[in-house]
Amino acid sequence: LMLLGTLVRSFDAMPPGAIVVQGGISLMVIAILKAMFLLGIRLAL
């Protein structure tokens, strides 16, 4: 439900047909990958 709510809110932030690529997308992806590995290692440790 949180995901669907975020999807609905995305139309307020970026209306249909007005997608704008943010400059920090690559840094965000790196941060998410880092968080993914840290969570996985913590769970398996």
All heavy atoms as atom14 arrays in JSON, in Angstrom:
{
  "sequence": "LMLLGTLVRSFDAMPPGAIVVQGGISLMVIAILKAMFLLGIRLAL",
  "atom14_mask": [
    [1, 1, 1, 1, 1, 1, 1, 1, 0, 0, 0, 0, 0, 0],
    [1, 1, 1, 1, 1, 1, 1, 1, 0, 0, 0, 0, 0, 0],
    [1, 1, 1, 1, 1, 1, 1, 1, 0, 0, 0, 0, 0, 0],
    [1, 1, 1, 1, 1, 1, 1, 1, 0, 0, 0, 0, 0, 0],
    [1, 1, 1, 1, 0, 0, 0, 0, 0, 0, 0, 0, 0, 0],
    [1, 1, 1, 1, 1, 1, 1, 0, 0, 0, 0, 0, 0, 0],
    [1, 1, 1, 1, 1, 1, 1, 1, 0, 0, 0, 0, 0, 0],
    [1, 1, 1, 1, 1, 1, 1, 0, 0, 0, 0, 0, 0, 0],
    [1, 1, 1, 1, 1, 1, 1, 1, 1, 1, 1, 0, 0, 0],
    [1, 1, 1, 1, 1, 1, 0, 0, 0, 0, 0, 0, 0, 0],
    [1, 1, 1, 1, 1, 1, 1, 1, 1, 1, 1, 0, 0, 0],
    [1, 1, 1, 1, 1, 1, 1, 1, 0, 0, 0, 0, 0, 0],
    [1, 1, 1, 1, 1, 0, 0, 0, 0, 0, 0, 0, 0, 0],
    [1, 1, 1, 1, 1, 1, 1, 1, 0, 0, 0, 0, 0, 0],
    [1, 1, 1, 1, 1, 1, 1, 0, 0, 0, 0, 0, 0, 0],
    [1, 1, 1, 1, 1, 1, 1, 0, 0, 0, 0, 0, 0, 0],
    [1, 1, 1, 1, 0, 0, 0, 0, 0, 0, 0, 0, 0, 0],
    [1, 1, 1, 1, 1, 0, 0, 0, 0, 0, 0, 0, 0, 0],
    [1, 1, 1, 1, 1, 1, 1, 1, 0, 0, 0, 0, 0, 0],
    [1, 1, 1, 1, 1, 1, 1, 0, 0, 0, 0, 0, 0, 0],
    [1, 1, 1, 1, 1, 1, 1, 0, 0, 0, 0, 0, 0, 0],
    [1, 1, 1, 1, 1, 1, 1, 1, 1, 0, 0, 0, 0, 0],
    [1, 1, 1, 1, 0, 0, 0, 0, 0, 0, 0, 0, 0, 0],
    [1, 1, 1, 1, 0, 0, 0, 0, 0, 0, 0, 0, 0, 0],
    [1, 1, 1, 1, 1, 1, 1, 1, 0, 0, 0, 0, 0, 0],
    [1, 1, 1, 1, 1, 1, 0, 0, 0, 0, 0, 0, 0, 0],
    [1, 1, 1, 1, 1, 1, 1, 1, 0, 0, 0, 0, 0, 0],
    [1, 1, 1, 1, 1, 1, 1, 1, 0, 0, 0, 0, 0, 0],
    [1, 1, 1, 1, 1, 1, 1, 0, 0, 0, 0, 0, 0, 0],
    [1, 1, 1, 1, 1, 1, 1, 1, 0, 0, 0, 0, 0, 0],
    [1, 1, 1, 1, 1, 0, 0, 0, 0, 0, 0, 0, 0, 0],
    [1, 1, 1, 1, 1, 1, 1, 1, 0, 0, 0, 0, 0, 0],
    [1, 1, 1, 1, 1, 1, 1, 1, 0, 0, 0, 0, 0, 0],
    [1, 1, 1, 1, 1, 1, 1, 1, 1, 0, 0, 0, 0, 0],
    [1, 1, 1, 1, 1, 0, 0, 0, 0, 0, 0, 0, 0, 0],
    [1, 1, 1, 1, 1, 1, 1, 1, 0, 0, 0, 0, 0, 0],
    [1, 1, 1, 1, 1, 1, 1, 1, 1, 1, 1, 0, 0, 0],
    [1, 1, 1, 1, 1, 1, 1, 1, 0, 0, 0, 0, 0, 0],
    [1, 1, 1, 1, 1, 1, 1, 1, 0, 0, 0, 0, 0, 0],
    [1, 1, 1, 1, 0, 0, 0, 0, 0, 0, 0, 0, 0, 0],
    [1, 1, 1, 1, 1, 1, 1, 1, 0, 0, 0, 0, 0, 0],
    [1, 1, 1, 1, 1, 1, 1, 1, 1, 1, 1, 0, 0, 0],
    [1, 1, 1, 1, 1, 1, 1, 1, 0, 0, 0, 0, 0, 0],
    [1, 1, 1, 1, 1, 0, 0, 0, 0, 0, 0, 0, 0, 0],
    [1, 1, 1, 1, 1, 1, 1, 1, 0, 0, 0, 0, 0, 0]
  ],
  "atom14_positions": [
    [[0.83, -1.2, 0.0], [0.0, 0.0, 0.0], [0.87, 1.26, 0.0], [0.53, 2.26, -0.64], [-0.92, 0.0, 1.22], [-1.92, -1.16, 1.3], [-2.78, -1.05, 2.54], [-2.79, -1.22, 0.04], [0.0, 0.0, 0.0], [0.0, 0.0, 0.0], [0.0, 0.0, 0.0], [0.0, 0.0, 0.0], [0.0, 0.0, 0.0], [0.0, 0.0, 0.0]],
    [[2.0, 1.2, 0.72], [2.92, 2.32, 0.7], [3.47, 2.55, -0.7], [3.61, 3.69, -1.16], [4.08, 2.06, 1.66], [5.04, 3.23, 1.81], [6.64, 2.74, 2.49], [7.35, 1.86, 1.09], [0.0, 0.0, 0.0], [0.0, 0.0, 0.0], [0.0, 0.0, 0.0], [0.0, 0.0, 0.0], [0.0, 0.0, 0.0], [0.0, 0.0, 0.0]],
    [[3.74, 1.45, -1.4], [4.25, 1.56, -2.76], [3.21, 2.2, -3.69], [3.54, 3.08, -4.5], [4.66, 0.18, -3.28], [5.17, 0.12, -4.72], [6.44, 0.94, -4.87], [5.43, -1.33, -5.12], [0.0, 0.0, 0.0], [0.0, 0.0, 0.0], [0.0, 0.0, 0.0], [0.0, 0.0, 0.0], [0.0, 0.0, 0.0], [0.0, 0.0, 0.0]],
    [[1.96, 1.76, -3.56], [0.9, 2.35, -4.38], [0.69, 3.82, -4.03], [0.42, 4.65, -4.91], [-0.39, 1.55, -4.21], [-0.37, 0.11, -4.73], [-1.71, -0.57, -4.45], [-0.06, 0.07, -6.22], [0.0, 0.0, 0.0], [0.0, 0.0, 0.0], [0.0, 0.0, 0.0], [0.0, 0.0, 0.0], [0.0, 0.0, 0.0], [0.0, 0.0, 0.0]],
    [[0.79, 4.15, -2.73], [0.68, 5.54, -2.34], [1.79, 6.4, -2.92], [1.55, 7.53, -3.38], [0.0, 0.0, 0.0], [0.0, 0.0, 0.0], [0.0, 0.0, 0.0], [0.0, 0.0, 0.0], [0.0, 0.0, 0.0], [0.0, 0.0, 0.0], [0.0, 0.0, 0.0], [0.0, 0.0, 0.0], [0.0, 0.0, 0.0], [0.0, 0.0, 0.0]],
    [[3.0, 5.86, -2.93], [4.12, 6.58, -3.54], [3.9, 6.74, -5.03], [4.24, 7.79, -5.61], [5.43, 5.82, -3.28], [5.62, 5.66, -1.87], [6.62, 6.58, -3.86], [0.0, 0.0, 0.0], [0.0, 0.0, 0.0], [0.0, 0.0, 0.0], [0.0, 0.0, 0.0], [0.0, 0.0, 0.0], [0.0, 0.0, 0.0], [0.0, 0.0, 0.0]],
    [[3.34, 5.73, -5.67], [3.06, 5.82, -7.09], [2.06, 6.95, -7.38], [2.24, 7.71, -8.34], [2.5, 4.48, -7.59], [2.04, 4.42, -9.05], [3.17, 4.78, -9.99], [1.49, 3.04, -9.37], [0.0, 0.0, 0.0], [0.0, 0.0, 0.0], [0.0, 0.0, 0.0], [0.0, 0.0, 0.0], [0.0, 0.0, 0.0], [0.0, 0.0, 0.0]],
    [[1.04, 7.07, -6.54], [0.06, 8.15, -6.74], [0.72, 9.5, -6.5], [0.49, 10.47, -7.24], [-1.15, 7.94, -5.8], [-2.09, 9.13, -5.9], [-1.89, 6.67, -6.17], [0.0, 0.0, 0.0], [0.0, 0.0, 0.0], [0.0, 0.0, 0.0], [0.0, 0.0, 0.0], [0.0, 0.0, 0.0], [0.0, 0.0, 0.0], [0.0, 0.0, 0.0]],
    [[1.56, 9.6, -5.45], [2.23, 10.87, -5.16], [3.22, 11.25, -6.25], [3.53, 12.43, -6.43], [2.95, 10.79, -3.82], [2.03, 10.82, -2.61], [2.79, 11.01, -1.31], [3.66, 9.89, -1.0], [4.97, 9.91, -1.1], [5.59, 11.0, -1.52], [5.69, 8.84, -0.8], [0.0, 0.0, 0.0], [0.0, 0.0, 0.0], [0.0, 0.0, 0.0]],
    [[3.72, 10.25, -6.98], [4.68, 10.55, -8.04], [4.05, 11.4, -9.14], [4.75, 12.16, -9.81], [5.23, 9.25, -8.64], [4.25, 8.57, -9.4], [0.0, 0.0, 0.0], [0.0, 0.0, 0.0], [0.0, 0.0, 0.0], [0.0, 0.0, 0.0], [0.0, 0.0, 0.0], [0.0, 0.0, 0.0], [0.0, 0.0, 0.0], [0.0, 0.0, 0.0]],
    [[2.73, 11.3, -9.29], [2.07, 12.1, -10.33], [1.95, 13.56, -9.91], [1.78, 14.44, -10.75], [0.68, 11.53, -10.62], [0.71, 10.2, -11.33], [0.43, 9.04, -10.65], [1.04, 10.13, -12.68], [0.46, 7.82, -11.3], [1.08, 8.91, -13.33], [0.8, 7.75, -12.64], [0.0, 0.0, 0.0], [0.0, 0.0, 0.0], [0.0, 0.0, 0.0]],
    [[2.05, 13.84, -8.59], [2.1, 15.23, -8.13], [3.49, 15.81, -8.33], [3.63, 16.97, -8.72], [1.69, 15.32, -6.66], [0.23, 14.96, -6.43], [-0.59, 15.23, -7.34], [-0.09, 14.4, -5.36], [0.0, 0.0, 0.0], [0.0, 0.0, 0.0], [0.0, 0.0, 0.0], [0.0, 0.0, 0.0], [0.0, 0.0, 0.0], [0.0, 0.0, 0.0]],
    [[4.51, 14.99, -8.0], [5.88, 15.48, -8.15], [6.3, 15.57, -9.61], [6.96, 16.54, -10.01], [6.84, 14.56, -7.38], [0.0, 0.0, 0.0], [0.0, 0.0, 0.0], [0.0, 0.0, 0.0], [0.0, 0.0, 0.0], [0.0, 0.0, 0.0], [0.0, 0.0, 0.0], [0.0, 0.0, 0.0], [0.0, 0.0, 0.0], [0.0, 0.0, 0.0]],
    [[5.9, 14.57, -10.38], [6.23, 14.54, -11.81], [4.97, 14.17, -12.58], [4.64, 13.0, -12.71], [7.34, 13.52, -12.09], [8.67, 13.88, -11.49], [9.99, 12.74, -11.99], [11.38, 13.4, -11.09], [0.0, 0.0, 0.0], [0.0, 0.0, 0.0], [0.0, 0.0, 0.0], [0.0, 0.0, 0.0], [0.0, 0.0, 0.0], [0.0, 0.0, 0.0]],
    [[4.23, 15.15, -13.06], [2.99, 14.87, -13.79], [3.25, 14.0, -15.01], [4.38, 13.9, -15.5], [2.49, 16.27, -14.19], [3.14, 17.2, -13.23], [4.47, 16.59, -12.91], [0.0, 0.0, 0.0], [0.0, 0.0, 0.0], [0.0, 0.0, 0.0], [0.0, 0.0, 0.0], [0.0, 0.0, 0.0], [0.0, 0.0, 0.0], [0.0, 0.0, 0.0]],
    [[2.21, 13.36, -15.52], [2.38, 12.51, -16.71], [2.97, 13.29, -17.88], [2.54, 14.41, -18.19], [0.95, 12.05, -17.03], [0.23, 12.13, -15.73], [0.83, 13.3, -15.01], [0.0, 0.0, 0.0], [0.0, 0.0, 0.0], [0.0, 0.0, 0.0], [0.0, 0.0, 0.0], [0.0, 0.0, 0.0], [0.0, 0.0, 0.0], [0.0, 0.0, 0.0]],
    [[3.98, 12.71, -18.5], [4.63, 13.35, -19.64], [5.63, 14.41, -19.28], [6.18, 15.06, -20.17], [0.0, 0.0, 0.0], [0.0, 0.0, 0.0], [0.0, 0.0, 0.0], [0.0, 0.0, 0.0], [0.0, 0.0, 0.0], [0.0, 0.0, 0.0], [0.0, 0.0, 0.0], [0.0, 0.0, 0.0], [0.0, 0.0, 0.0], [0.0, 0.0, 0.0]],
    [[5.89, 14.62, -17.99], [6.82, 15.67, -17.56], [7.93, 15.08, -16.7], [8.32, 15.66, -15.68], [6.07, 16.76, -16.8], [0.0, 0.0, 0.0], [0.0, 0.0, 0.0], [0.0, 0.0, 0.0], [0.0, 0.0, 0.0], [0.0, 0.0, 0.0], [0.0, 0.0, 0.0], [0.0, 0.0, 0.0], [0.0, 0.0, 0.0], [0.0, 0.0, 0.0]],
    [[8.43, 13.92, -17.09], [9.5, 13.26, -16.33], [10.79, 14.04, -16.51], [11.22, 14.34, -17.63], [9.68, 11.81, -16.8], [8.37, 11.03, -16.64], [10.8, 11.13, -16.02], [7.88, 10.93, -15.23], [0.0, 0.0, 0.0], [0.0, 0.0, 0.0], [0.0, 0.0, 0.0], [0.0, 0.0, 0.0], [0.0, 0.0, 0.0], [0.0, 0.0, 0.0]],
    [[11.42, 14.36, -15.39], [12.7, 15.07, -15.4], [13.7, 14.23, -14.61], [13.45, 13.88, -13.45], [12.58, 16.47, -14.77], [13.94, 17.16, -14.75], [11.57, 17.31, -15.53], [0.0, 0.0, 0.0], [0.0, 0.0, 0.0], [0.0, 0.0, 0.0], [0.0, 0.0, 0.0], [0.0, 0.0, 0.0], [0.0, 0.0, 0.0], [0.0, 0.0, 0.0]],
    [[14.81, 13.89, -15.23], [15.84, 13.08, -14.58], [16.63, 13.95, -13.61], [17.16, 15.0, -13.98], [16.78, 12.45, -15.63], [17.87, 11.63, -14.94], [15.99, 11.58, -16.59], [0.0, 0.0, 0.0], [0.0, 0.0, 0.0], [0.0, 0.0, 0.0], [0.0, 0.0, 0.0], [0.0, 0.0, 0.0], [0.0, 0.0, 0.0], [0.0, 0.0, 0.0]],
    [[16.67, 13.51, -12.35], [17.39, 14.26, -11.33], [18.9, 14.01, -11.45], [19.34, 12.92, -11.83], [16.91, 13.85, -9.93], [15.41, 14.05, -9.72], [15.01, 15.51, -9.73], [15.79, 16.37, -9.31], [13.81, 15.81, -10.2], [0.0, 0.0, 0.0], [0.0, 0.0, 0.0], [0.0, 0.0, 0.0], [0.0, 0.0, 0.0], [0.0, 0.0, 0.0]],
    [[19.68, 15.01, -11.08], [21.12, 14.89, -11.22], [21.75, 13.9, -10.27], [22.82, 13.36, -10.54], [0.0, 0.0, 0.0], [0.0, 0.0, 0.0], [0.0, 0.0, 0.0], [0.0, 0.0, 0.0], [0.0, 0.0, 0.0], [0.0, 0.0, 0.0], [0.0, 0.0, 0.0], [0.0, 0.0, 0.0], [0.0, 0.0, 0.0], [0.0, 0.0, 0.0]],
    [[21.11, 13.64, -9.12], [21.7, 12.76, -8.13], [21.22, 11.32, -8.19], [21.34, 10.59, -7.21], [0.0, 0.0, 0.0], [0.0, 0.0, 0.0], [0.0, 0.0, 0.0], [0.0, 0.0, 0.0], [0.0, 0.0, 0.0], [0.0, 0.0, 0.0], [0.0, 0.0, 0.0], [0.0, 0.0, 0.0], [0.0, 0.0, 0.0], [0.0, 0.0, 0.0]],
    [[20.66, 10.9, -9.34], [20.13, 9.55, -9.46], [21.24, 8.51, -9.27], [21.06, 7.51, -8.57], [19.44, 9.35, -10.82], [18.18, 10.21, -10.9], [19.08, 7.89, -11.04], [17.12, 9.82, -9.91], [0.0, 0.0, 0.0], [0.0, 0.0, 0.0], [0.0, 0.0, 0.0], [0.0, 0.0, 0.0], [0.0, 0.0, 0.0], [0.0, 0.0, 0.0]],
    [[22.38, 8.73, -9.9], [23.47, 7.75, -9.81], [23.96, 7.61, -8.37], [24.24, 6.5, -7.9], [24.62, 8.16, -10.73], [25.1, 9.45, -10.39], [0.0, 0.0, 0.0], [0.0, 0.0, 0.0], [0.0, 0.0, 0.0], [0.0, 0.0, 0.0], [0.0, 0.0, 0.0], [0.0, 0.0, 0.0], [0.0, 0.0, 0.0], [0.0, 0.0, 0.0]],
    [[24.07, 8.73, -7.66], [24.49, 8.67, -6.26], [23.47, 7.93, -5.42], [23.82, 7.19, -4.49], [24.71, 10.08, -5.71], [25.83, 10.89, -6.37], [25.89, 12.29, -5.76], [27.17, 10.18, -6.2], [0.0, 0.0, 0.0], [0.0, 0.0, 0.0], [0.0, 0.0, 0.0], [0.0, 0.0, 0.0], [0.0, 0.0, 0.0], [0.0, 0.0, 0.0]],
    [[22.18, 8.12, -5.73], [21.13, 7.43, -4.99], [21.2, 5.93, -5.22], [21.04, 5.13, -4.29], [19.76, 7.95, -5.42], [18.59, 7.35, -4.65], [17.02, 7.67, -5.45], [17.19, 6.67, -6.93], [0.0, 0.0, 0.0], [0.0, 0.0, 0.0], [0.0, 0.0, 0.0], [0.0, 0.0, 0.0], [0.0, 0.0, 0.0], [0.0, 0.0, 0.0]],
    [[21.46, 5.51, -6.46], [21.58, 4.09, -6.77], [22.75, 3.46, -6.02], [22.65, 2.37, -5.47], [21.72, 3.88, -8.29], [22.02, 2.42, -8.61], [20.44, 4.31, -9.01], [0.0, 0.0, 0.0], [0.0, 0.0, 0.0], [0.0, 0.0, 0.0], [0.0, 0.0, 0.0], [0.0, 0.0, 0.0], [0.0, 0.0, 0.0], [0.0, 0.0, 0.0]],
    [[23.87, 4.18, -5.97], [25.03, 3.68, -5.23], [24.71, 3.53, -3.76], [25.08, 2.54, -3.11], [26.24, 4.62, -5.44], [26.68, 4.58, -6.91], [27.39, 4.23, -4.53], [27.76, 5.58, -7.24], [0.0, 0.0, 0.0], [0.0, 0.0, 0.0], [0.0, 0.0, 0.0], [0.0, 0.0, 0.0], [0.0, 0.0, 0.0], [0.0, 0.0, 0.0]],
    [[23.99, 4.51, -3.2], [23.62, 4.44, -1.78], [22.69, 3.26, -1.51], [22.81, 2.59, -0.48], [22.95, 5.75, -1.36], [0.0, 0.0, 0.0], [0.0, 0.0, 0.0], [0.0, 0.0, 0.0], [0.0, 0.0, 0.0], [0.0, 0.0, 0.0], [0.0, 0.0, 0.0], [0.0, 0.0, 0.0], [0.0, 0.0, 0.0], [0.0, 0.0, 0.0]],
    [[21.79, 2.99, -2.43], [20.86, 1.86, -2.25], [21.62, 0.54, -2.34], [21.37, -0.39, -1.57], [19.74, 1.92, -3.29], [18.84, 3.13, -3.02], [18.89, 0.65, -3.27], [17.8, 3.37, -4.08], [0.0, 0.0, 0.0], [0.0, 0.0, 0.0], [0.0, 0.0, 0.0], [0.0, 0.0, 0.0], [0.0, 0.0, 0.0], [0.0, 0.0, 0.0]],
    [[22.55, 0.43, -3.28], [23.37, -0.78, -3.39], [24.19, -1.0, -2.12], [24.32, -2.12, -1.63], [24.28, -0.7, -4.61], [23.6, -0.81, -5.97], [24.6, -0.56, -7.08], [22.97, -2.19, -6.14], [0.0, 0.0, 0.0], [0.0, 0.0, 0.0], [0.0, 0.0, 0.0], [0.0, 0.0, 0.0], [0.0, 0.0, 0.0], [0.0, 0.0, 0.0]],
    [[24.73, 0.08, -1.59], [25.49, -0.02, -0.35], [24.59, -0.51, 0.79], [24.97, -1.4, 1.57], [26.09, 1.35, -0.01], [26.81, 1.38, 1.33], [27.29, 2.8, 1.64], [27.92, 2.86, 3.03], [28.37, 4.25, 3.37], [0.0, 0.0, 0.0], [0.0, 0.0, 0.0], [0.0, 0.0, 0.0], [0.0, 0.0, 0.0], [0.0, 0.0, 0.0]],
    [[23.4, 0.07, 0.89], [22.47, -0.35, 1.93], [22.06, -1.8, 1.76], [21.89, -2.53, 2.75], [21.23, 0.56, 1.92], [0.0, 0.0, 0.0], [0.0, 0.0, 0.0], [0.0, 0.0, 0.0], [0.0, 0.0, 0.0], [0.0, 0.0, 0.0], [0.0, 0.0, 0.0], [0.0, 0.0, 0.0], [0.0, 0.0, 0.0], [0.0, 0.0, 0.0]],
    [[21.9, -2.24, 0.52], [21.52, -3.62, 0.25], [22.58, -4.59, 0.77], [22.26, -5.56, 1.47], [21.32, -3.83, -1.25], [20.92, -5.25, -1.65], [21.05, -5.53, -3.42], [22.86, -5.61, -3.6], [0.0, 0.0, 0.0], [0.0, 0.0, 0.0], [0.0, 0.0, 0.0], [0.0, 0.0, 0.0], [0.0, 0.0, 0.0], [0.0, 0.0, 0.0]],
    [[23.84, -4.34, 0.47], [24.91, -5.23, 0.92], [25.06, -5.18, 2.43], [25.29, -6.23, 3.07], [26.22, -4.85, 0.24], [26.35, -5.34, -1.17], [26.21, -4.48, -2.23], [26.58, -6.69, -1.44], [26.31, -4.94, -3.54], [26.68, -7.15, -2.73], [26.55, -6.28, -3.79], [0.0, 0.0, 0.0], [0.0, 0.0, 0.0], [0.0, 0.0, 0.0]],
    [[24.93, -4.01, 3.04], [25.05, -3.91, 4.49], [23.94, -4.68, 5.19], [24.18, -5.4, 6.16], [25.04, -2.44, 4.91], [26.3, -1.63, 4.59], [26.12, -0.18, 5.01], [27.52, -2.24, 5.26], [0.0, 0.0, 0.0], [0.0, 0.0, 0.0], [0.0, 0.0, 0.0], [0.0, 0.0, 0.0], [0.0, 0.0, 0.0], [0.0, 0.0, 0.0]],
    [[22.71, -4.55, 4.69], [21.6, -5.27, 5.29], [21.77, -6.77, 5.15], [21.51, -7.55, 6.08], [20.27, -4.83, 4.65], [19.77, -3.43, 5.01], [18.52, -3.1, 4.2], [19.48, -3.32, 6.49], [0.0, 0.0, 0.0], [0.0, 0.0, 0.0], [0.0, 0.0, 0.0], [0.0, 0.0, 0.0], [0.0, 0.0, 0.0], [0.0, 0.0, 0.0]],
    [[22.21, -7.2, 3.96], [22.41, -8.63, 3.75], [23.49, -9.2, 4.65], [23.3, -10.28, 5.23], [0.0, 0.0, 0.0], [0.0, 0.0, 0.0], [0.0, 0.0, 0.0], [0.0, 0.0, 0.0], [0.0, 0.0, 0.0], [0.0, 0.0, 0.0], [0.0, 0.0, 0.0], [0.0, 0.0, 0.0], [0.0, 0.0, 0.0], [0.0, 0.0, 0.0]],
    [[24.59, -8.5, 4.8], [25.68, -8.98, 5.66], [25.26, -8.98, 7.12], [25.56, -9.92, 7.87], [26.94, -8.13, 5.43], [27.47, -8.36, 4.01], [28.01, -8.47, 6.46], [28.62, -7.46, 3.64], [0.0, 0.0, 0.0], [0.0, 0.0, 0.0], [0.0, 0.0, 0.0], [0.0, 0.0, 0.0], [0.0, 0.0, 0.0], [0.0, 0.0, 0.0]],
    [[24.54, -7.94, 7.54], [24.07, -7.89, 8.93], [23.12, -9.04, 9.25], [23.15, -9.6, 10.33], [23.39, -6.55, 9.19], [24.36, -5.38, 9.31], [23.61, -4.07, 9.34], [22.63, -4.03, 10.43], [21.75, -3.05, 10.59], [21.71, -2.05, 9.71], [20.92, -3.08, 11.6], [0.0, 0.0, 0.0], [0.0, 0.0, 0.0], [0.0, 0.0, 0.0]],
    [[22.28, -9.37, 8.29], [21.33, -10.45, 8.52], [22.02, -11.81, 8.56], [21.61, -12.71, 9.3], [20.26, -10.44, 7.41], [19.11, -11.45, 7.54], [18.37, -11.24, 8.85], [18.15, -11.31, 6.37], [0.0, 0.0, 0.0], [0.0, 0.0, 0.0], [0.0, 0.0, 0.0], [0.0, 0.0, 0.0], [0.0, 0.0, 0.0], [0.0, 0.0, 0.0]],
    [[23.07, -11.97, 7.77], [23.76, -13.26, 7.71], [24.89, -13.38, 8.72], [25.39, -14.49, 8.95], [24.32, -13.48, 6.3], [0.0, 0.0, 0.0], [0.0, 0.0, 0.0], [0.0, 0.0, 0.0], [0.0, 0.0, 0.0], [0.0, 0.0, 0.0], [0.0, 0.0, 0.0], [0.0, 0.0, 0.0], [0.0, 0.0, 0.0], [0.0, 0.0, 0.0]],
    [[25.29, -12.28, 9.33], [26.47, -12.28, 10.2], [26.35, -13.24, 11.38], [27.32, -13.95, 11.69], [26.75, -10.87, 10.68], [28.14, -10.62, 11.27], [29.22, -10.97, 10.26], [28.28, -9.17, 11.71], [0.0, 0.0, 0.0], [0.0, 0.0, 0.0], [0.0, 0.0, 0.0], [0.0, 0.0, 0.0], [0.0, 0.0, 0.0], [0.0, 0.0, 0.0]]
  ]
}
